[in-house]
């Protein structure tokens, strides 16, 4: 496969890569793409309540003087027993004071 021009829609991006397997499925591709994320230090904010599978937004809190999460940042959510984890990417941000970025 060759990509000769970028997508016309600015909301669409393309990623081509080789897994050296003819039997990979979507889950294998997702795992390969997401493997670039390496957990770092603990976030400066805390989550509120339980986070449910499939939900599209999260609520958290932090000290007002600390830097807020930036759009595009990736965070790893982990259960308290550390058996289940999921990466999330910040796509929008709204502070409790009504400011939206």
PDB file of N, CA and C in Angstrom:
ATOM      1  N   UNK A   1       0.841  -1.162   0.000  1.00  0.00           N
ATOM      2  CA  UNK A   1       0.000   0.000   0.000  1.00  0.00           C
ATOM      3  C   UNK A   1       0.890   1.230   0.000  1.00  0.00           C
ATOM      4  N   UNK A   2       0.418   2.266  -0.646  1.00  0.00           N
ATOM      5  CA  UNK A   2       1.119   3.545  -0.662  1.00  0.00           C
ATOM      6  C   UNK A   2       0.100   4.659  -0.482  1.00  0.00           C
ATOM      7  N   UNK A   3       0.479   5.657   0.270  1.00  0.00           N
ATOM      8  CA  UNK A   3      -0.382   6.809   0.484  1.00  0.00           C
ATOM      9  C   UNK A   3       0.194   7.953  -0.343  1.00  0.00           C
ATOM     10  N   UNK A   4      -0.568   8.443  -1.327  1.00  0.00           N
ATOM     11  CA  UNK A   4      -0.038   9.459  -2.235  1.00  0.00           C
ATOM     12  C   UNK A   4      -0.443  10.881  -1.877  1.00  0.00           C
ATOM     13  N   UNK A   5      -1.525  11.059  -1.113  1.00  0.00           N
ATOM     14  CA  UNK A   5      -1.914  12.395  -0.678  1.00  0.00           C
ATOM     15  C   UNK A   5      -2.643  12.313   0.654  1.00  0.00           C
ATOM     16  N   UNK A   6      -2.560  13.383   1.433  1.00  0.00           N
ATOM     17  CA  UNK A   6      -3.223  13.368   2.740  1.00  0.00           C
ATOM     18  C   UNK A   6      -4.740  13.431   2.597  1.00  0.00           C
ATOM     19  N   UNK A   7      -5.475  13.028   3.645  1.00  0.00           N
ATOM     20  CA  UNK A   7      -6.947  13.112   3.604  1.00  0.00           C
ATOM     21  C   UNK A   7      -7.409  14.557   3.410  1.00  0.00           C
ATOM     22  N   UNK A   8      -8.493  14.735   2.701  1.00  0.00           N
ATOM     23  CA  UNK A   8      -9.042  16.071   2.472  1.00  0.00           C
ATOM     24  C   UNK A   8      -9.720  16.622   3.721  1.00  0.00           C
ATOM     25  N   UNK A   9     -10.267  15.741   4.541  1.00  0.00           N
ATOM     26  CA  UNK A   9     -10.923  16.144   5.787  1.00  0.00           C
ATOM     27  C   UNK A   9      -9.863  16.342   6.869  1.00  0.00           C
ATOM     28  N   UNK A  10      -9.787  17.536   7.467  1.00  0.00           N
ATOM     29  CA  UNK A  10      -8.767  17.827   8.478  1.00  0.00           C
ATOM     30  C   UNK A  10      -8.965  17.009   9.756  1.00  0.00           C
ATOM     31  N   UNK A  11     -10.144  16.405   9.934  1.00  0.00           N
ATOM     32  CA  UNK A  11     -10.412  15.585  11.113  1.00  0.00           C
ATOM     33  C   UNK A  11     -10.028  14.121  10.921  1.00  0.00           C
ATOM     34  N   UNK A  12      -9.463  13.797   9.772  1.00  0.00           N
ATOM     35  CA  UNK A  12      -9.063  12.423   9.462  1.00  0.00           C
ATOM     36  C   UNK A  12      -7.547  12.365   9.371  1.00  0.00           C
ATOM     37  N   UNK A  13      -6.983  11.336   9.975  1.00  0.00           N
ATOM     38  CA  UNK A  13      -5.546  11.106   9.856  1.00  0.00           C
ATOM     39  C   UNK A  13      -5.323   9.657   9.442  1.00  0.00           C
ATOM     40  N   UNK A  14      -4.139   9.377   8.936  1.00  0.00           N
ATOM     41  CA  UNK A  14      -3.828   8.047   8.429  1.00  0.00           C
ATOM     42  C   UNK A  14      -2.537   7.568   9.065  1.00  0.00           C
ATOM     43  N   UNK A  15      -2.513   6.311   9.417  1.00  0.00           N
ATOM     44  CA  UNK A  15      -1.315   5.693   9.961  1.00  0.00           C
ATOM     45  C   UNK A  15      -1.137   4.343   9.281  1.00  0.00           C
ATOM     46  N   UNK A  16      -0.001   4.149   8.645  1.00  0.00           N
ATOM     47  CA  UNK A  16       0.316   2.869   8.016  1.00  0.00           C
ATOM     48  C   UNK A  16       1.502   2.260   8.745  1.00  0.00           C
ATOM     49  N   UNK A  17       1.429   0.976   9.029  1.00  0.00           N
ATOM     50  CA  UNK A  17       2.557   0.285   9.641  1.00  0.00           C
ATOM     51  C   UNK A  17       2.469  -1.194   9.324  1.00  0.00           C
ATOM     52  N   UNK A  18       3.555  -1.889   9.502  1.00  0.00           N
ATOM     53  CA  UNK A  18       3.638  -3.310   9.206  1.00  0.00           C
ATOM     54  C   UNK A  18       3.823  -4.073  10.504  1.00  0.00           C
ATOM     55  N   UNK A  19       3.032  -5.117  10.704  1.00  0.00           N
ATOM     56  CA  UNK A  19       3.164  -5.945  11.908  1.00  0.00           C
ATOM     57  C   UNK A  19       3.882  -7.254  11.617  1.00  0.00           C
ATOM     58  N   UNK A  20       4.260  -7.466  10.363  1.00  0.00           N
ATOM     59  CA  UNK A  20       4.915  -8.718   9.947  1.00  0.00           C
ATOM     60  C   UNK A  20       4.030  -9.937  10.162  1.00  0.00           C
ATOM     61  N   UNK A  21       2.712  -9.737  10.146  1.00  0.00           N
ATOM     62  CA  UNK A  21       1.770 -10.839  10.293  1.00  0.00           C
ATOM     63  C   UNK A  21       0.602 -10.626   9.341  1.00  0.00           C
ATOM     64  N   UNK A  22       0.147 -11.709   8.735  1.00  0.00           N
ATOM     65  CA  UNK A  22      -1.010 -11.621   7.839  1.00  0.00           C
ATOM     66  C   UNK A  22      -2.314 -11.949   8.560  1.00  0.00           C
ATOM     67  N   UNK A  23      -2.235 -12.244   9.857  1.00  0.00           N
ATOM     68  CA  UNK A  23      -3.435 -12.635  10.596  1.00  0.00           C
ATOM     69  C   UNK A  23      -3.781 -11.674  11.728  1.00  0.00           C
ATOM     70  N   UNK A  24      -3.119 -10.521  11.794  1.00  0.00           N
ATOM     71  CA  UNK A  24      -3.443  -9.551  12.842  1.00  0.00           C
ATOM     72  C   UNK A  24      -4.878  -9.082  12.708  1.00  0.00           C
ATOM     73  N   UNK A  25      -5.483  -8.771  13.848  1.00  0.00           N
ATOM     74  CA  UNK A  25      -6.833  -8.236  13.884  1.00  0.00           C
ATOM     75  C   UNK A  25      -6.785  -6.835  14.464  1.00  0.00           C
ATOM     76  N   UNK A  26      -7.935  -6.151  14.506  1.00  0.00           N
ATOM     77  CA  UNK A  26      -7.994  -4.761  14.980  1.00  0.00           C
ATOM     78  C   UNK A  26      -7.380  -4.601  16.369  1.00  0.00           C
ATOM     79  N   UNK A  27      -7.632  -5.545  17.269  1.00  0.00           N
ATOM     80  CA  UNK A  27      -7.089  -5.462  18.621  1.00  0.00           C
ATOM     81  C   UNK A  27      -5.554  -5.463  18.591  1.00  0.00           C
ATOM     82  N   UNK A  28      -4.962  -6.292  17.717  1.00  0.00           N
ATOM     83  CA  UNK A  28      -3.504  -6.324  17.594  1.00  0.00           C
ATOM     84  C   UNK A  28      -2.972  -4.982  17.096  1.00  0.00           C
ATOM     85  N   UNK A  29      -3.670  -4.400  16.128  1.00  0.00           N
ATOM     86  CA  UNK A  29      -3.245  -3.101  15.588  1.00  0.00           C
ATOM     87  C   UNK A  29      -3.375  -2.022  16.653  1.00  0.00           C
ATOM     88  N   UNK A  30      -4.480  -2.016  17.394  1.00  0.00           N
ATOM     89  CA  UNK A  30      -4.666  -1.024  18.450  1.00  0.00           C
ATOM     90  C   UNK A  30      -3.570  -1.124  19.495  1.00  0.00           C
ATOM     91  N   UNK A  31      -3.264  -2.348  19.920  1.00  0.00           N
ATOM     92  CA  UNK A  31      -2.214  -2.544  20.918  1.00  0.00           C
ATOM     93  C   UNK A  31      -0.871  -2.037  20.410  1.00  0.00           C
ATOM     94  N   UNK A  32      -0.590  -2.254  19.162  1.00  0.00           N
ATOM     95  CA  UNK A  32       0.682  -1.795  18.585  1.00  0.00           C
ATOM     96  C   UNK A  32       0.739  -0.270  18.528  1.00  0.00           C
ATOM     97  N   UNK A  33      -0.353   0.353  18.112  1.00  0.00           N
ATOM     98  CA  UNK A  33      -0.401   1.813  18.015  1.00  0.00           C
ATOM     99  C   UNK A  33      -0.294   2.444  19.401  1.00  0.00           C
ATOM    100  N   UNK A  34      -1.011   1.895  20.373  1.00  0.00           N
ATOM    101  CA  UNK A  34      -1.035   2.481  21.708  1.00  0.00           C
ATOM    102  C   UNK A  34       0.210   2.158  22.530  1.00  0.00           C
ATOM    103  N   UNK A  35       1.058   1.289  22.072  1.00  0.00           N
ATOM    104  CA  UNK A  35       2.220   0.888  22.857  1.00  0.00           C
ATOM    105  C   UNK A  35       3.260   1.996  22.982  1.00  0.00           C
ATOM    106  N   UNK A  36       3.115   3.087  22.244  1.00  0.00           N
ATOM    107  CA  UNK A  36       4.062   4.194  22.345  1.00  0.00           C
ATOM    108  C   UNK A  36       3.914   4.951  23.655  1.00  0.00           C
ATOM    109  N   UNK A  37       2.794   4.792  24.352  1.00  0.00           N
ATOM    110  CA  UNK A  37       2.537   5.523  25.588  1.00  0.00           C
ATOM    111  C   UNK A  37       3.232   4.802  26.741  1.00  0.00           C
ATOM    112  N   UNK A  38       4.058   5.540  27.461  1.00  0.00           N
ATOM    113  CA  UNK A  38       4.779   4.983  28.603  1.00  0.00           C
ATOM    114  C   UNK A  38       4.337   5.733  29.858  1.00  0.00           C
ATOM    115  N   UNK A  39       3.849   5.020  30.875  1.00  0.00           N
ATOM    116  CA  UNK A  39       3.408   5.714  32.088  1.00  0.00           C
ATOM    117  C   UNK A  39       4.546   6.517  32.717  1.00  0.00           C
ATOM    118  N   UNK A  40       4.193   7.686  33.230  1.00  0.00           N
ATOM    119  CA  UNK A  40       5.169   8.562  33.880  1.00  0.00           C
ATOM    120  C   UNK A  40       4.778   8.808  35.321  1.00  0.00           C
ATOM    121  N   UNK A  41       4.918  10.040  35.741  1.00  0.00           N
ATOM    122  CA  UNK A  41       4.601  10.387  37.127  1.00  0.00           C
ATOM    123  C   UNK A  41       3.094  10.502  37.319  1.00  0.00           C
ATOM    124  N   UNK A  42       2.664  10.524  38.565  1.00  0.00           N
ATOM    125  CA  UNK A  42       1.241  10.643  38.898  1.00  0.00           C
ATOM    126  C   UNK A  42       0.734  12.029  38.498  1.00  0.00           C
ATOM    127  N   UNK A  43      -0.477  12.082  37.987  1.00  0.00           N
ATOM    128  CA  UNK A  43      -1.093  13.350  37.586  1.00  0.00           C
ATOM    129  C   UNK A  43      -1.304  14.251  38.802  1.00  0.00           C
ATOM    130  N   UNK A  44      -1.402  15.558  38.556  1.00  0.00           N
ATOM    131  CA  UNK A  44      -1.614  16.521  39.644  1.00  0.00           C
ATOM    132  C   UNK A  44      -3.083  16.640  40.023  1.00  0.00           C
ATOM    133  N   UNK A  45      -3.944  15.877  39.377  1.00  0.00           N
ATOM    134  CA  UNK A  45      -5.369  15.943  39.662  1.00  0.00           C
ATOM    135  C   UNK A  45      -5.881  14.560  40.061  1.00  0.00           C
ATOM    136  N   UNK A  46      -7.021  14.553  40.754  1.00  0.00           N
ATOM    137  CA  UNK A  46      -7.649  13.312  41.225  1.00  0.00           C
ATOM    138  C   UNK A  46      -8.996  13.130  40.543  1.00  0.00           C
ATOM    139  N   UNK A  47      -9.328  11.888  40.221  1.00  0.00           N
ATOM    140  CA  UNK A  47     -10.625  11.585  39.626  1.00  0.00           C
ATOM    141  C   UNK A  47     -11.722  11.623  40.680  1.00  0.00           C
ATOM    142  N   UNK A  48     -12.931  11.952  40.248  1.00  0.00           N
ATOM    143  CA  UNK A  48     -14.104  11.938  41.115  1.00  0.00           C
ATOM    144  C   UNK A  48     -14.935  10.711  40.754  1.00  0.00           C
ATOM    145  N   UNK A  49     -15.187   9.852  41.712  1.00  0.00           N
ATOM    146  CA  UNK A  49     -16.058   8.692  41.495  1.00  0.00           C
ATOM    147  C   UNK A  49     -15.450   7.613  40.631  1.00  0.00           C
ATOM    148  N   UNK A  50     -16.286   6.628  40.305  1.00  0.00           N
ATOM    149  CA  UNK A  50     -15.871   5.516  39.456  1.00  0.00           C
ATOM    150  C   UNK A  50     -15.933   5.931  37.996  1.00  0.00           C
ATOM    151  N   UNK A  51     -15.049   5.386  37.195  1.00  0.00           N
ATOM    152  CA  UNK A  51     -15.050   5.629  35.756  1.00  0.00           C
ATOM    153  C   UNK A  51     -15.601   4.371  35.093  1.00  0.00           C
ATOM    154  N   UNK A  52     -16.655   4.513  34.323  1.00  0.00           N
ATOM    155  CA  UNK A  52     -17.357   3.380  33.733  1.00  0.00           C
ATOM    156  C   UNK A  52     -16.889   3.101  32.317  1.00  0.00           C
ATOM    157  N   UNK A  53     -16.878   1.847  31.943  1.00  0.00           N
ATOM    158  CA  UNK A  53     -16.490   1.470  30.588  1.00  0.00           C
ATOM    159  C   UNK A  53     -17.380   2.173  29.573  1.00  0.00           C
ATOM    160  N   UNK A  54     -16.763   2.784  28.581  1.00  0.00           N
ATOM    161  CA  UNK A  54     -17.499   3.439  27.511  1.00  0.00           C
ATOM    162  C   UNK A  54     -17.876   4.889  27.757  1.00  0.00           C
ATOM    163  N   UNK A  55     -17.655   5.404  28.961  1.00  0.00           N
ATOM    164  CA  UNK A  55     -18.040   6.805  29.189  1.00  0.00           C
ATOM    165  C   UNK A  55     -17.120   7.726  28.401  1.00  0.00           C
ATOM    166  N   UNK A  56     -17.612   8.900  28.042  1.00  0.00           N
ATOM    167  CA  UNK A  56     -16.902   9.813  27.153  1.00  0.00           C
ATOM    168  C   UNK A  56     -16.294  11.018  27.869  1.00  0.00           C
ATOM    169  N   UNK A  57     -16.514  11.145  29.167  1.00  0.00           N
ATOM    170  CA  UNK A  57     -15.938  12.265  29.899  1.00  0.00           C
ATOM    171  C   UNK A  57     -15.581  11.820  31.313  1.00  0.00           C
ATOM    172  N   UNK A  58     -14.664  12.544  31.923  1.00  0.00           N
ATOM    173  CA  UNK A  58     -14.269  12.267  33.297  1.00  0.00           C
ATOM    174  C   UNK A  58     -14.321  13.565  34.084  1.00  0.00           C
ATOM    175  N   UNK A  59     -14.420  13.454  35.392  1.00  0.00           N
ATOM    176  CA  UNK A  59     -14.426  14.621  36.268  1.00  0.00           C
ATOM    177  C   UNK A  59     -13.292  14.437  37.268  1.00  0.00           C
ATOM    178  N   UNK A  60     -12.526  15.499  37.452  1.00  0.00           N
ATOM    179  CA  UNK A  60     -11.427  15.459  38.401  1.00  0.00           C
ATOM    180  C   UNK A  60     -11.305  16.791  39.119  1.00  0.00           C
ATOM    181  N   UNK A  61     -10.446  16.838  40.119  1.00  0.00           N
ATOM    182  CA  UNK A  61     -10.207  18.081  40.850  1.00  0.00           C
ATOM    183  C   UNK A  61      -8.726  18.190  41.186  1.00  0.00           C
ATOM    184  N   UNK A  62      -8.276  19.420  41.432  1.00  0.00           N
ATOM    185  CA  UNK A  62      -6.894  19.678  41.814  1.00  0.00           C
ATOM    186  C   UNK A  62      -6.808  21.057  42.446  1.00  0.00           C
ATOM    187  N   UNK A  63      -5.654  21.389  42.967  1.00  0.00           N
ATOM    188  CA  UNK A  63      -5.447  22.711  43.550  1.00  0.00           C
ATOM    189  C   UNK A  63      -5.476  23.752  42.444  1.00  0.00           C
ATOM    190  N   UNK A  64      -6.064  24.882  42.714  1.00  0.00           N
ATOM    191  CA  UNK A  64      -6.250  25.934  41.706  1.00  0.00           C
ATOM    192  C   UNK A  64      -4.928  26.429  41.120  1.00  0.00           C
ATOM    193  N   UNK A  65      -3.872  26.478  41.911  1.00  0.00           N
ATOM    194  CA  UNK A  65      -2.595  27.027  41.428  1.00  0.00           C
ATOM    195  C   UNK A  65      -1.768  26.035  40.600  1.00  0.00           C
ATOM    196  N   UNK A  66      -2.175  24.790  40.535  1.00  0.00           N
ATOM    197  CA  UNK A  66      -1.433  23.805  39.747  1.00  0.00           C
ATOM    198  C   UNK A  66      -1.822  23.897  38.278  1.00  0.00           C
ATOM    199  N   UNK A  67      -0.910  23.503  37.415  1.00  0.00           N
ATOM    200  CA  UNK A  67      -1.166  23.522  35.968  1.00  0.00           C
ATOM    201  C   UNK A  67      -2.281  22.532  35.629  1.00  0.00           C
ATOM    202  N   UNK A  68      -3.204  22.981  34.803  1.00  0.00           N
ATOM    203  CA  UNK A  68      -4.321  22.115  34.402  1.00  0.00           C
ATOM    204  C   UNK A  68      -3.874  21.172  33.293  1.00  0.00           C
ATOM    205  N   UNK A  69      -4.572  20.050  33.113  1.00  0.00           N
ATOM    206  CA  UNK A  69      -4.238  19.137  32.019  1.00  0.00           C
ATOM    207  C   UNK A  69      -4.336  19.862  30.676  1.00  0.00           C
ATOM    208  N   UNK A  70      -3.441  19.524  29.779  1.00  0.00           N
ATOM    209  CA  UNK A  70      -3.429  20.140  28.451  1.00  0.00           C
ATOM    210  C   UNK A  70      -4.139  19.228  27.451  1.00  0.00           C
ATOM    211  N   UNK A  71      -4.812  19.841  26.492  1.00  0.00           N
ATOM    212  CA  UNK A  71      -5.448  19.072  25.420  1.00  0.00           C
ATOM    213  C   UNK A  71      -4.361  18.313  24.669  1.00  0.00           C
ATOM    214  N   UNK A  72      -4.606  17.027  24.434  1.00  0.00           N
ATOM    215  CA  UNK A  72      -3.640  16.168  23.763  1.00  0.00           C
ATOM    216  C   UNK A  72      -2.836  15.300  24.711  1.00  0.00           C
ATOM    217  N   UNK A  73      -2.797  15.654  26.003  1.00  0.00           N
ATOM    218  CA  UNK A  73      -2.064  14.829  26.963  1.00  0.00           C
ATOM    219  C   UNK A  73      -2.753  13.478  27.129  1.00  0.00           C
ATOM    220  N   UNK A  74      -1.942  12.453  27.423  1.00  0.00           N
ATOM    221  CA  UNK A  74      -2.454  11.102  27.612  1.00  0.00           C
ATOM    222  C   UNK A  74      -2.241  10.710  29.070  1.00  0.00           C
ATOM    223  N   UNK A  75      -3.260  10.128  29.675  1.00  0.00           N
ATOM    224  CA  UNK A  75      -3.194   9.662  31.052  1.00  0.00           C
ATOM    225  C   UNK A  75      -3.581   8.198  31.109  1.00  0.00           C
ATOM    226  N   UNK A  76      -3.050   7.501  32.088  1.00  0.00           N
ATOM    227  CA  UNK A  76      -3.375   6.093  32.293  1.00  0.00           C
ATOM    228  C   UNK A  76      -4.230   5.973  33.548  1.00  0.00           C
ATOM    229  N   UNK A  77      -5.461   5.476  33.385  1.00  0.00           N
ATOM    230  CA  UNK A  77      -6.337   5.222  34.527  1.00  0.00           C
ATOM    231  C   UNK A  77      -6.094   3.785  34.988  1.00  0.00           C
ATOM    232  N   UNK A  78      -5.961   3.590  36.295  1.00  0.00           N
ATOM    233  CA  UNK A  78      -5.663   2.273  36.848  1.00  0.00           C
ATOM    234  C   UNK A  78      -6.624   2.000  38.005  1.00  0.00           C
ATOM    235  N   UNK A  79      -7.155   0.775  38.075  1.00  0.00           N
ATOM    236  CA  UNK A  79      -7.987   0.410  39.216  1.00  0.00           C
ATOM    237  C   UNK A  79      -7.108   0.340  40.465  1.00  0.00           C
ATOM    238  N   UNK A  80      -7.734   0.455  41.625  1.00  0.00           N
ATOM    239  CA  UNK A  80      -6.967   0.481  42.870  1.00  0.00           C
ATOM    240  C   UNK A  80      -6.163  -0.797  43.082  1.00  0.00           C
ATOM    241  N   UNK A  81      -6.625  -1.928  42.526  1.00  0.00           N
ATOM    242  CA  UNK A  81      -5.867  -3.168  42.650  1.00  0.00           C
ATOM    243  C   UNK A  81      -4.844  -3.341  41.520  1.00  0.00           C
ATOM    244  N   UNK A  82      -4.787  -2.352  40.620  1.00  0.00           N
ATOM    245  CA  UNK A  82      -3.849  -2.302  39.490  1.00  0.00           C
ATOM    246  C   UNK A  82      -4.004  -3.471  38.508  1.00  0.00           C
ATOM    247  N   UNK A  83      -5.184  -4.102  38.488  1.00  0.00           N
ATOM    248  CA  UNK A  83      -5.416  -5.218  37.566  1.00  0.00           C
ATOM    249  C   UNK A  83      -5.939  -4.758  36.210  1.00  0.00           C
ATOM    250  N   UNK A  84      -6.596  -3.594  36.180  1.00  0.00           N
ATOM    251  CA  UNK A  84      -7.170  -3.085  34.932  1.00  0.00           C
ATOM    252  C   UNK A  84      -6.670  -1.663  34.718  1.00  0.00           C
ATOM    253  N   UNK A  85      -6.273  -1.355  33.481  1.00  0.00           N
ATOM    254  CA  UNK A  85      -5.845   0.006  33.166  1.00  0.00           C
ATOM    255  C   UNK A  85      -6.318   0.384  31.771  1.00  0.00           C
ATOM    256  N   UNK A  86      -6.392   1.675  31.544  1.00  0.00           N
ATOM    257  CA  UNK A  86      -6.808   2.187  30.236  1.00  0.00           C
ATOM    258  C   UNK A  86      -6.187   3.555  30.045  1.00  0.00           C
ATOM    259  N   UNK A  87      -5.729   3.833  28.827  1.00  0.00           N
ATOM    260  CA  UNK A  87      -5.195   5.147  28.497  1.00  0.00           C
ATOM    261  C   UNK A  87      -6.321   6.032  27.985  1.00  0.00           C
ATOM    262  N   UNK A  88      -6.285   7.306  28.375  1.00  0.00           N
ATOM    263  CA  UNK A  88      -7.237   8.288  27.857  1.00  0.00           C
ATOM    264  C   UNK A  88      -6.456   9.486  27.333  1.00  0.00           C
ATOM    265  N   UNK A  89      -7.006  10.176  26.371  1.00  0.00           N
ATOM    266  CA  UNK A  89      -6.394  11.394  25.830  1.00  0.00           C
ATOM    267  C   UNK A  89      -7.343  12.560  26.084  1.00  0.00           C
ATOM    268  N   UNK A  90      -6.804  13.669  26.583  1.00  0.00           N
ATOM    269  CA  UNK A  90      -7.611  14.858  26.839  1.00  0.00           C
ATOM    270  C   UNK A  90      -7.930  15.521  25.495  1.00  0.00           C
ATOM    271  N   UNK A  91      -9.220  15.651  25.185  1.00  0.00           N
ATOM    272  CA  UNK A  91      -9.636  16.277  23.920  1.00  0.00           C
ATOM    273  C   UNK A  91     -10.330  17.613  24.148  1.00  0.00           C
ATOM    274  N   UNK A  92     -10.797  17.859  25.363  1.00  0.00           N
ATOM    275  CA  UNK A  92     -11.415  19.134  25.724  1.00  0.00           C
ATOM    276  C   UNK A  92     -11.280  19.274  27.231  1.00  0.00           C
ATOM    277  N   UNK A  93     -11.352  20.494  27.693  1.00  0.00           N
ATOM    278  CA  UNK A  93     -11.174  20.752  29.127  1.00  0.00           C
ATOM    279  C   UNK A  93     -12.118  21.857  29.542  1.00  0.00           C
ATOM    280  N   UNK A  94     -12.764  21.676  30.691  1.00  0.00           N
ATOM    281  CA  UNK A  94     -13.634  22.722  31.236  1.00  0.00           C
ATOM    282  C   UNK A  94     -13.339  22.814  32.726  1.00  0.00           C
ATOM    283  N   UNK A  95     -12.975  23.999  33.164  1.00  0.00           N
ATOM    284  CA  UNK A  95     -12.710  24.177  34.592  1.00  0.00           C
ATOM    285  C   UNK A  95     -14.034  24.369  35.324  1.00  0.00           C
ATOM    286  N   UNK A  96     -13.994  24.213  36.636  1.00  0.00           N
ATOM    287  CA  UNK A  96     -15.198  24.392  37.450  1.00  0.00           C
ATOM    288  C   UNK A  96     -15.692  25.810  37.465  1.00  0.00           C
ATOM    289  N   UNK A  97     -14.894  26.733  36.942  1.00  0.00           N
ATOM    290  CA  UNK A  97     -15.273  28.141  36.926  1.00  0.00           C
ATOM    291  C   UNK A  97     -15.865  28.560  35.587  1.00  0.00           C
ATOM    292  N   UNK A  98     -16.160  27.573  34.711  1.00  0.00           N
ATOM    293  CA  UNK A  98     -16.811  27.889  33.452  1.00  0.00           C
ATOM    294  C   UNK A  98     -15.872  28.195  32.304  1.00  0.00           C
ATOM    295  N   UNK A  99     -14.574  28.175  32.520  1.00  0.00           N
ATOM    296  CA  UNK A  99     -13.625  28.406  31.424  1.00  0.00           C
ATOM    297  C   UNK A  99     -13.461  27.136  30.625  1.00  0.00           C
ATOM    298  N   UNK A 100     -13.517  27.221  29.331  1.00  0.00           N
ATOM    299  CA  UNK A 100     -13.371  26.047  28.481  1.00  0.00           C
ATOM    300  C   UNK A 100     -12.186  26.246  27.554  1.00  0.00           C
ATOM    301  N   UNK A 101     -11.382  25.189  27.394  1.00  0.00           N
ATOM    302  CA  UNK A 101     -10.261  25.249  26.463  1.00  0.00           C
ATOM    303  C   UNK A 101     -10.407  24.124  25.475  1.00  0.00           C
TER     304      UNK A 101
END
